[in-house]
Amino acid sequence: MQLIDLSSPIDPEGWEPEPLSLVTMSAQDGAKHLVSEMREHFGMDLDPEVLRDAEFLTNDTVSLTTHTGTHIDAPAHYGDATSYGSAPRTIDQMPVDWFHRPAVVLDFTGRAPGVITADDVRGELSRVDYQPKELDIVLLHTGADQHAGTPKYFTEFVGLDQSGLDLLLDFGVRVIGTDAFSLDAPFTHIIETYQRTGDKSVLWPAHMRGRDREYCQIERLANLAELPRAHGFTLSCFPVKLAGAGAGWARAVAIVE
C-alpha cells in the first residue's frame, strides 16, 4: 500500500489573502505557563526548576480562516438558504462516509485561467476511461499548486462552471476537489467576465449551485501529479469537526493499493 499526501501546508511564511499567524510557546515558557495556570485555577504552587531542564510542554496558537490550507467546504459555506428543502448543513453535520471513497483525478493542467465545462469533463472522463459511481470523489488537477505561497496561486488556475459541476453531481458525486484556490475560476477572471458580459450566471457558479444541490468541495489540494494512475485509489479526507462552521481543514491522503 502506498500513501500519498495530497494536502497543502498551513504556512505563515507563504502569501495569503487573509491574515495567518502562528505563535509557538517554547518549552521554557511552557513551564512558566504551567506554574501560572496551576496557581490561578487550583491554588497550587510548583517551582519550574523541579521540571526536567526547567521545561514543560510547548503549545501553538494559530489565527487563520477555515479556508486556509487544504480544507473542505460544507453546504453552509454557499449561503444561508437552499432550494432543496432543508437548511444547509455545517461541516460537523456532514456524513463521514462521504470522505473516504474511491476517487478519480482529471487532468486539466496547461490551460489558461478560465472555466472547465461539461464537455471538458466528458472528454477527460473518456480519456481515462472512467465513469464516476455514486459517492465517488472527483479531483481536478489544474497544476495550480506549483504557485502555492505566491499571489499567482490565487489567479492562475481553472475552475468548474455550472455545467461541469452538474454533470458530476448527476453521477452521484458529492465531494469534488481541486488543487487550486477555488473550485470556481479565479476571482479576477469571474469579475472580468461579468463586467464584459453583464451575465450574472458567471458569478461563482460552482459555489452558488451548492444552494440548489448539496455537495462539498475540497480546495487547495496538492501533489496530484504524484498519483500513479487516474483511478483505482481511495481518498481519505476527513474534515476537522468544527461545530457550526462552513468549512473544516483536512489532511487528504490517497491510498493506492
C-alpha atoms as a PDB file:
ATOM      1  CA  MET A   1       0.000   0.000   0.000  1.00  0.00           C
ATOM      2  CA  GLN A   2       1.235   3.468  -0.927  1.00  0.00           C
ATOM      3  CA  LEU A   3       0.053   6.579   0.923  1.00  0.00           C
ATOM      4  CA  ILE A   4       0.330   9.887  -0.977  1.00  0.00           C
ATOM      5  CA  ASP A   5      -0.156  13.135   0.916  1.00  0.00           C
ATOM      6  CA  LEU A   6      -2.375  15.414  -1.185  1.00  0.00           C
ATOM      7  CA  SER A   7      -2.533  18.226   1.379  1.00  0.00           C
ATOM      8  CA  SER A   8      -1.005  21.677   1.230  1.00  0.00           C
ATOM      9  CA  PRO A   9       0.564  23.037   4.425  1.00  0.00           C
ATOM     10  CA  ILE A  10      -0.748  25.871   6.542  1.00  0.00           C
ATOM     11  CA  ASP A  11       2.363  28.030   6.298  1.00  0.00           C
ATOM     12  CA  PRO A  12       2.666  31.536   7.787  1.00  0.00           C
ATOM     13  CA  GLU A  13       5.680  32.134   5.521  1.00  0.00           C
ATOM     14  CA  GLY A  14       3.576  31.865   2.357  1.00  0.00           C
ATOM     15  CA  TRP A  15       1.454  34.601   0.771  1.00  0.00           C
ATOM     16  CA  GLU A  16      -2.186  34.525   1.841  1.00  0.00           C
ATOM     17  CA  PRO A  17      -5.089  36.887   1.082  1.00  0.00           C
ATOM     18  CA  GLU A  18      -6.293  36.617   4.688  1.00  0.00           C
ATOM     19  CA  PRO A  19      -4.166  37.087   7.840  1.00  0.00           C
ATOM     20  CA  LEU A  20      -2.400  33.968   9.130  1.00  0.00           C
ATOM     21  CA  SER A  21      -0.250  33.776  12.222  1.00  0.00           C
ATOM     22  CA  LEU A  22       1.439  31.013  14.204  1.00  0.00           C
ATOM     23  CA  VAL A  23       2.888  31.763  17.651  1.00  0.00           C
ATOM     24  CA  THR A  24       4.770  28.969  19.414  1.00  0.00           C
ATOM     25  CA  MET A  25       5.175  28.822  23.185  1.00  0.00           C
ATOM     26  CA  SER A  26       8.658  27.497  23.962  1.00  0.00           C
ATOM     27  CA  ALA A  27       9.259  24.646  26.394  1.00  0.00           C
ATOM     28  CA  GLN A  28      10.715  27.103  28.937  1.00  0.00           C
ATOM     29  CA  ASP A  29       7.691  29.368  28.612  1.00  0.00           C
ATOM     30  CA  GLY A  30       5.531  26.249  28.833  1.00  0.00           C
ATOM     31  CA  ALA A  31       6.930  25.620  32.325  1.00  0.00           C
ATOM     32  CA  LYS A  32       6.145  29.181  33.382  1.00  0.00           C
ATOM     33  CA  HIS A  33       2.667  28.881  31.916  1.00  0.00           C
ATOM     34  CA  LEU A  34       2.058  25.643  33.811  1.00  0.00           C
ATOM     35  CA  VAL A  35       3.044  27.264  37.110  1.00  0.00           C
ATOM     36  CA  SER A  36       0.828  30.267  36.438  1.00  0.00           C
ATOM     37  CA  GLU A  37      -2.200  28.211  35.411  1.00  0.00           C
ATOM     38  CA  MET A  38      -1.939  25.797  38.369  1.00  0.00           C
ATOM     39  CA  ARG A  39      -1.717  28.723  40.784  1.00  0.00           C
ATOM     40  CA  GLU A  40      -4.649  30.605  39.178  1.00  0.00           C
ATOM     41  CA  HIS A  41      -7.075  27.705  38.757  1.00  0.00           C
ATOM     42  CA  PHE A  42      -6.145  25.292  41.540  1.00  0.00           C
ATOM     43  CA  GLY A  43      -4.228  27.367  44.114  1.00  0.00           C
ATOM     44  CA  MET A  44      -1.212  25.065  43.771  1.00  0.00           C
ATOM     45  CA  ASP A  45       2.421  26.224  43.690  1.00  0.00           C
ATOM     46  CA  LEU A  46       5.149  24.497  41.721  1.00  0.00           C
ATOM     47  CA  ASP A  47       8.761  25.542  41.229  1.00  0.00           C
ATOM     48  CA  PRO A  48       9.550  25.249  37.471  1.00  0.00           C
ATOM     49  CA  GLU A  49      13.138  24.287  38.378  1.00  0.00           C
ATOM     50  CA  VAL A  50      11.936  20.855  39.546  1.00  0.00           C
ATOM     51  CA  LEU A  51      10.921  20.046  35.970  1.00  0.00           C
ATOM     52  CA  ARG A  52      13.482  18.393  33.723  1.00  0.00           C
ATOM     53  CA  ASP A  53      15.615  21.213  32.216  1.00  0.00           C
ATOM     54  CA  ALA A  54      13.076  23.625  33.751  1.00  0.00           C
ATOM     55  CA  GLU A  55      10.934  22.929  30.709  1.00  0.00           C
ATOM     56  CA  PHE A  56       7.384  21.728  30.163  1.00  0.00           C
ATOM     57  CA  LEU A  57       5.265  21.330  27.039  1.00  0.00           C
ATOM     58  CA  THR A  58       5.229  23.604  24.017  1.00  0.00           C
ATOM     59  CA  ASN A  59       1.977  24.975  22.631  1.00  0.00           C
ATOM     60  CA  ASP A  60       0.963  26.758  19.433  1.00  0.00           C
ATOM     61  CA  THR A  61      -1.599  29.499  18.914  1.00  0.00           C
ATOM     62  CA  VAL A  62      -2.851  29.804  15.348  1.00  0.00           C
ATOM     63  CA  SER A  63      -5.023  32.515  13.853  1.00  0.00           C
ATOM     64  CA  LEU A  64      -6.451  31.695  10.428  1.00  0.00           C
ATOM     65  CA  THR A  65      -9.641  31.199   8.437  1.00  0.00           C
ATOM     66  CA  THR A  66     -11.221  27.808   7.817  1.00  0.00           C
ATOM     67  CA  HIS A  67     -10.287  28.263   4.143  1.00  0.00           C
ATOM     68  CA  THR A  68      -6.539  28.348   4.744  1.00  0.00           C
ATOM     69  CA  GLY A  69      -4.634  25.281   3.586  1.00  0.00           C
ATOM     70  CA  THR A  70      -6.378  22.134   2.399  1.00  0.00           C
ATOM     71  CA  HIS A  71      -9.973  22.321   3.579  1.00  0.00           C
ATOM     72  CA  ILE A  72     -13.477  21.076   2.838  1.00  0.00           C
ATOM     73  CA  ASP A  73     -16.367  23.452   2.202  1.00  0.00           C
ATOM     74  CA  ALA A  74     -19.719  22.414   3.668  1.00  0.00           C
ATOM     75  CA  PRO A  75     -23.085  23.430   2.148  1.00  0.00           C
ATOM     76  CA  ALA A  76     -23.404  26.142   4.817  1.00  0.00           C
ATOM     77  CA  HIS A  77     -20.491  27.944   3.113  1.00  0.00           C
ATOM     78  CA  TYR A  78     -22.521  28.577  -0.040  1.00  0.00           C
ATOM     79  CA  GLY A  79     -25.291  30.626   1.563  1.00  0.00           C
ATOM     80  CA  ASP A  80     -27.925  30.709   4.295  1.00  0.00           C
ATOM     81  CA  ALA A  81     -30.856  29.420   2.221  1.00  0.00           C
ATOM     82  CA  THR A  82     -31.323  26.419  -0.057  1.00  0.00           C
ATOM     83  CA  SER A  83     -33.867  25.287  -2.630  1.00  0.00           C
ATOM     84  CA  TYR A  84     -33.652  21.597  -1.673  1.00  0.00           C
ATOM     85  CA  GLY A  85     -35.939  21.758   1.340  1.00  0.00           C
ATOM     86  CA  SER A  86     -33.601  21.848   4.351  1.00  0.00           C
ATOM     87  CA  ALA A  87     -31.152  24.222   5.971  1.00  0.00           C
ATOM     88  CA  PRO A  88     -27.588  23.959   4.647  1.00  0.00           C
ATOM     89  CA  ARG A  89     -25.508  21.609   6.772  1.00  0.00           C
ATOM     90  CA  THR A  90     -22.344  22.724   8.536  1.00  0.00           C
ATOM     91  CA  ILE A  91     -19.093  20.779   8.356  1.00  0.00           C
ATOM     92  CA  ASP A  92     -19.707  18.899  11.621  1.00  0.00           C
ATOM     93  CA  GLN A  93     -23.078  17.703  10.287  1.00  0.00           C
ATOM     94  CA  MET A  94     -21.774  16.095   7.107  1.00  0.00           C
ATOM     95  CA  PRO A  95     -21.773  12.270   6.869  1.00  0.00           C
ATOM     96  CA  VAL A  96     -18.249  10.970   7.404  1.00  0.00           C
ATOM     97  CA  ASP A  97     -18.689   8.278   4.752  1.00  0.00           C
ATOM     98  CA  TRP A  98     -18.537  10.971   2.074  1.00  0.00           C
ATOM     99  CA  PHE A  99     -14.851  11.497   2.872  1.00  0.00           C
ATOM    100  CA  HIS A 100     -13.303   8.031   2.482  1.00  0.00           C
ATOM    101  CA  ARG A 101     -14.176   6.908  -1.013  1.00  0.00           C
ATOM    102  CA  PRO A 102     -12.849   5.698  -4.369  1.00  0.00           C
ATOM    103  CA  ALA A 103     -11.547   8.660  -6.331  1.00  0.00           C
ATOM    104  CA  VAL A 104     -10.621   9.696  -9.861  1.00  0.00           C
ATOM    105  CA  VAL A 105      -8.307  12.538 -10.880  1.00  0.00           C
ATOM    106  CA  LEU A 106      -8.950  14.505 -14.081  1.00  0.00           C
ATOM    107  CA  ASP A 107      -6.084  16.361 -15.754  1.00  0.00           C
ATOM    108  CA  PHE A 108      -6.737  19.987 -16.700  1.00  0.00           C
ATOM    109  CA  THR A 109      -3.155  21.219 -16.474  1.00  0.00           C
ATOM    110  CA  GLY A 110      -1.656  23.582 -19.023  1.00  0.00           C
ATOM    111  CA  ARG A 111      -4.819  25.637 -19.500  1.00  0.00           C
ATOM    112  CA  ALA A 112      -5.110  29.400 -19.314  1.00  0.00           C
ATOM    113  CA  PRO A 113      -7.191  30.729 -16.412  1.00  0.00           C
ATOM    114  CA  GLY A 114     -10.864  30.142 -17.064  1.00  0.00           C
ATOM    115  CA  VAL A 115     -13.588  27.532 -16.742  1.00  0.00           C
ATOM    116  CA  ILE A 116     -13.950  23.769 -17.176  1.00  0.00           C
ATOM    117  CA  THR A 117     -17.214  22.897 -18.916  1.00  0.00           C
ATOM    118  CA  ALA A 118     -19.273  19.707 -19.021  1.00  0.00           C
ATOM    119  CA  ASP A 119     -17.749  18.909 -22.421  1.00  0.00           C
ATOM    120  CA  ASP A 120     -14.269  19.255 -20.925  1.00  0.00           C
ATOM    121  CA  VAL A 121     -15.207  16.872 -18.102  1.00  0.00           C
ATOM    122  CA  ARG A 122     -16.742  14.354 -20.525  1.00  0.00           C
ATOM    123  CA  GLY A 123     -13.618  14.444 -22.657  1.00  0.00           C
ATOM    124  CA  GLU A 124     -11.308  13.787 -19.734  1.00  0.00           C
ATOM    125  CA  LEU A 125     -13.514  11.004 -18.331  1.00  0.00           C
ATOM    126  CA  SER A 126     -13.438   9.389 -21.758  1.00  0.00           C
ATOM    127  CA  ARG A 127      -9.657   9.733 -21.945  1.00  0.00           C
ATOM    128  CA  VAL A 128      -9.133   7.996 -18.591  1.00  0.00           C
ATOM    129  CA  ASP A 129     -11.927   5.507 -19.372  1.00  0.00           C
ATOM    130  CA  TYR A 130     -13.902   6.033 -16.209  1.00  0.00           C
ATOM    131  CA  GLN A 131     -17.479   6.835 -15.255  1.00  0.00           C
ATOM    132  CA  PRO A 132     -17.909   8.060 -11.673  1.00  0.00           C
ATOM    133  CA  LYS A 133     -20.113   5.981  -9.415  1.00  0.00           C
ATOM    134  CA  GLU A 134     -22.326   7.263  -6.620  1.00  0.00           C
ATOM    135  CA  LEU A 135     -20.296   8.940  -3.852  1.00  0.00           C
ATOM    136  CA  ASP A 136     -17.019   8.674  -5.758  1.00  0.00           C
ATOM    137  CA  ILE A 137     -14.713  11.640  -5.161  1.00  0.00           C
ATOM    138  CA  VAL A 138     -13.588  13.564  -8.246  1.00  0.00           C
ATOM    139  CA  LEU A 139     -10.339  15.556  -8.153  1.00  0.00           C
ATOM    140  CA  LEU A 140      -9.384  18.288 -10.630  1.00  0.00           C
ATOM    141  CA  HIS A 141      -5.666  18.517 -11.352  1.00  0.00           C
ATOM    142  CA  THR A 142      -5.078  22.083 -12.538  1.00  0.00           C
ATOM    143  CA  GLY A 143      -1.392  22.393 -11.644  1.00  0.00           C
ATOM    144  CA  ALA A 144      -2.104  25.455  -9.527  1.00  0.00           C
ATOM    145  CA  ASP A 145      -0.287  24.024  -6.512  1.00  0.00           C
ATOM    146  CA  GLN A 146       3.037  24.890  -8.192  1.00  0.00           C
ATOM    147  CA  HIS A 147       2.227  28.521  -7.326  1.00  0.00           C
ATOM    148  CA  ALA A 148       1.271  27.858  -3.678  1.00  0.00           C
ATOM    149  CA  GLY A 149       2.596  30.513  -1.320  1.00  0.00           C
ATOM    150  CA  THR A 150       2.632  33.206  -4.023  1.00  0.00           C
ATOM    151  CA  PRO A 151      -0.002  35.654  -5.350  1.00  0.00           C
ATOM    152  CA  LYS A 152      -0.209  33.626  -8.595  1.00  0.00           C
ATOM    153  CA  TYR A 153      -1.847  30.807  -6.642  1.00  0.00           C
ATOM    154  CA  PHE A 154      -4.992  32.926  -6.405  1.00  0.00           C
ATOM    155  CA  THR A 155      -5.169  33.963 -10.074  1.00  0.00           C
ATOM    156  CA  GLU A 156      -3.611  31.255 -12.274  1.00  0.00           C
ATOM    157  CA  PHE A 157      -5.939  28.244 -12.456  1.00  0.00           C
ATOM    158  CA  VAL A 158      -9.116  26.846 -13.976  1.00  0.00           C
ATOM    159  CA  GLY A 159     -12.397  26.097 -12.208  1.00  0.00           C
ATOM    160  CA  LEU A 160     -15.702  24.361 -12.894  1.00  0.00           C
ATOM    161  CA  ASP A 161     -18.639  26.128 -14.468  1.00  0.00           C
ATOM    162  CA  GLN A 162     -22.192  25.077 -13.582  1.00  0.00           C
ATOM    163  CA  SER A 163     -22.481  22.635 -16.487  1.00  0.00           C
ATOM    164  CA  GLY A 164     -19.342  20.773 -15.405  1.00  0.00           C
ATOM    165  CA  LEU A 165     -20.476  20.695 -11.799  1.00  0.00           C
ATOM    166  CA  ASP A 166     -23.972  19.458 -12.656  1.00  0.00           C
ATOM    167  CA  LEU A 167     -22.554  16.660 -14.790  1.00  0.00           C
ATOM    168  CA  LEU A 168     -20.510  15.333 -11.850  1.00  0.00           C
ATOM    169  CA  LEU A 169     -23.378  15.702  -9.387  1.00  0.00           C
ATOM    170  CA  ASP A 170     -25.662  13.821 -11.796  1.00  0.00           C
ATOM    171  CA  PHE A 171     -23.312  10.832 -11.449  1.00  0.00           C
ATOM    172  CA  GLY A 172     -23.966  10.899  -7.690  1.00  0.00           C
ATOM    173  CA  VAL A 173     -20.644  12.542  -6.811  1.00  0.00           C
ATOM    174  CA  ARG A 174     -20.937  14.560  -3.600  1.00  0.00           C
ATOM    175  CA  VAL A 175     -17.318  15.582  -2.989  1.00  0.00           C
ATOM    176  CA  ILE A 176     -15.280  17.392  -5.661  1.00  0.00           C
ATOM    177  CA  GLY A 177     -11.706  18.528  -5.073  1.00  0.00           C
ATOM    178  CA  THR A 178      -9.161  20.799  -6.725  1.00  0.00           C
ATOM    179  CA  ASP A 179      -5.515  21.700  -6.237  1.00  0.00           C
ATOM    180  CA  ALA A 180      -6.466  25.332  -6.893  1.00  0.00           C
ATOM    181  CA  PHE A 181      -7.527  28.077  -4.501  1.00  0.00           C
ATOM    182  CA  SER A 182     -11.174  27.699  -5.552  1.00  0.00           C
ATOM    183  CA  LEU A 183     -13.392  25.212  -7.343  1.00  0.00           C
ATOM    184  CA  ASP A 184     -14.661  28.203  -9.324  1.00  0.00           C
ATOM    185  CA  ALA A 185     -12.487  30.102 -11.775  1.00  0.00           C
ATOM    186  CA  PRO A 186     -10.185  32.788 -10.298  1.00  0.00           C
ATOM    187  CA  PHE A 187     -11.969  35.779  -8.768  1.00  0.00           C
ATOM    188  CA  THR A 188     -10.220  38.068 -11.263  1.00  0.00           C
ATOM    189  CA  HIS A 189     -11.442  36.018 -14.222  1.00  0.00           C
ATOM    190  CA  ILE A 190     -15.001  35.868 -12.880  1.00  0.00           C
ATOM    191  CA  ILE A 191     -15.273  39.610 -12.292  1.00  0.00           C
ATOM    192  CA  GLU A 192     -13.665  40.489 -15.637  1.00  0.00           C
ATOM    193  CA  THR A 193     -16.081  38.158 -17.434  1.00  0.00           C
ATOM    194  CA  TYR A 194     -19.080  39.630 -15.628  1.00  0.00           C
ATOM    195  CA  GLN A 195     -18.000  43.205 -16.352  1.00  0.00           C
ATOM    196  CA  ARG A 196     -17.555  42.346 -20.029  1.00  0.00           C
ATOM    197  CA  THR A 197     -20.803  40.401 -20.481  1.00  0.00           C
ATOM    198  CA  GLY A 198     -23.160  41.500 -17.712  1.00  0.00           C
ATOM    199  CA  ASP A 199     -24.057  37.809 -17.286  1.00  0.00           C
ATOM    200  CA  LYS A 200     -24.708  37.086 -13.598  1.00  0.00           C
ATOM    201  CA  SER A 201     -24.512  33.315 -14.168  1.00  0.00           C
ATOM    202  CA  VAL A 202     -20.713  33.590 -14.353  1.00  0.00           C
ATOM    203  CA  LEU A 203     -20.532  34.804 -10.739  1.00  0.00           C
ATOM    204  CA  TRP A 204     -19.108  31.836  -8.776  1.00  0.00           C
ATOM    205  CA  PRO A 205     -21.427  29.240 -10.379  1.00  0.00           C
ATOM    206  CA  ALA A 206     -19.861  26.219  -8.648  1.00  0.00           C
ATOM    207  CA  HIS A 207     -20.321  27.713  -5.196  1.00  0.00           C
ATOM    208  CA  MET A 208     -23.740  29.226  -5.898  1.00  0.00           C
ATOM    209  CA  ARG A 209     -25.020  25.914  -7.277  1.00  0.00           C
ATOM    210  CA  GLY A 210     -24.440  24.493  -3.810  1.00  0.00           C
ATOM    211  CA  ARG A 211     -27.567  26.338  -2.716  1.00  0.00           C
ATOM    212  CA  ASP A 212     -29.588  24.081  -5.034  1.00  0.00           C
ATOM    213  CA  ARG A 213     -27.672  20.791  -4.829  1.00  0.00           C
ATOM    214  CA  GLU A 214     -25.989  19.564  -1.661  1.00  0.00           C
ATOM    215  CA  TYR A 215     -22.305  18.740  -2.062  1.00  0.00           C
ATOM    216  CA  CYS A 216     -18.864  19.515  -0.630  1.00  0.00           C
ATOM    217  CA  GLN A 217     -15.702  20.929  -2.169  1.00  0.00           C
ATOM    218  CA  ILE A 218     -12.111  20.148  -1.268  1.00  0.00           C
ATOM    219  CA  GLU A 219      -9.967  23.151  -2.097  1.00  0.00           C
ATOM    220  CA  ARG A 220      -6.209  23.718  -2.026  1.00  0.00           C
ATOM    221  CA  LEU A 221      -5.085  20.124  -2.531  1.00  0.00           C
ATOM    222  CA  ALA A 222      -1.515  19.412  -3.636  1.00  0.00           C
ATOM    223  CA  ASN A 223       0.682  16.772  -5.263  1.00  0.00           C
ATOM    224  CA  LEU A 224      -1.993  15.392  -7.596  1.00  0.00           C
ATOM    225  CA  ALA A 225       0.768  14.816 -10.157  1.00  0.00           C
ATOM    226  CA  GLU A 226       2.195  12.154  -7.829  1.00  0.00           C
ATOM    227  CA  LEU A 227      -0.827   9.887  -8.248  1.00  0.00           C
ATOM    228  CA  PRO A 228       0.355   6.875 -10.283  1.00  0.00           C
ATOM    229  CA  ARG A 229      -2.945   6.465 -12.125  1.00  0.00           C
ATOM    230  CA  ALA A 230      -6.164   8.353 -12.779  1.00  0.00           C
ATOM    231  CA  HIS A 231      -8.359   5.976 -10.771  1.00  0.00           C
ATOM    232  CA  GLY A 232      -8.140   2.805  -8.748  1.00  0.00           C
ATOM    233  CA  PHE A 233      -7.260   4.523  -5.470  1.00  0.00           C
ATOM    234  CA  THR A 234      -9.116   5.693  -2.367  1.00  0.00           C
ATOM    235  CA  LEU A 235      -9.095   9.216  -0.987  1.00  0.00           C
ATOM    236  CA  SER A 236      -9.315   9.754   2.763  1.00  0.00           C
ATOM    237  CA  CYS A 237     -10.049  13.388   3.608  1.00  0.00           C
ATOM    238  CA  PHE A 238     -11.989  13.683   6.861  1.00  0.00           C
ATOM    239  CA  PRO A 239     -12.659  17.324   7.819  1.00  0.00           C
ATOM    240  CA  VAL A 240     -11.971  18.671  11.300  1.00  0.00           C
ATOM    241  CA  LYS A 241     -15.228  18.686  13.285  1.00  0.00           C
ATOM    242  CA  LEU A 242     -15.744  22.419  13.832  1.00  0.00           C
ATOM    243  CA  ALA A 243     -19.201  22.894  15.330  1.00  0.00           C
ATOM    244  CA  GLY A 244     -21.342  25.224  13.248  1.00  0.00           C
ATOM    245  CA  ALA A 245     -18.588  26.016  10.737  1.00  0.00           C
ATOM    246  CA  GLY A 246     -18.944  26.340   6.983  1.00  0.00           C
ATOM    247  CA  ALA A 247     -15.637  24.566   6.371  1.00  0.00           C
ATOM    248  CA  GLY A 248     -13.023  22.456   8.111  1.00  0.00           C
ATOM    249  CA  TRP A 249      -9.360  21.711   7.492  1.00  0.00           C
ATOM    250  CA  ALA A 250      -8.494  18.239   6.205  1.00  0.00           C
ATOM    251  CA  ARG A 251      -5.446  16.026   5.760  1.00  0.00           C
ATOM    252  CA  ALA A 252      -6.147  14.486   2.371  1.00  0.00           C
ATOM    253  CA  VAL A 253      -4.288  11.239   1.669  1.00  0.00           C
ATOM    254  CA  ALA A 254      -4.564   8.945  -1.342  1.00  0.00           C
ATOM    255  CA  ILE A 255      -4.437   5.224  -0.544  1.00  0.00           C
ATOM    256  CA  VAL A 256      -3.047   3.304  -3.505  1.00  0.00           C
ATOM    257  CA  GLU A 257      -3.167  -0.476  -3.283  1.00  0.00           C
END
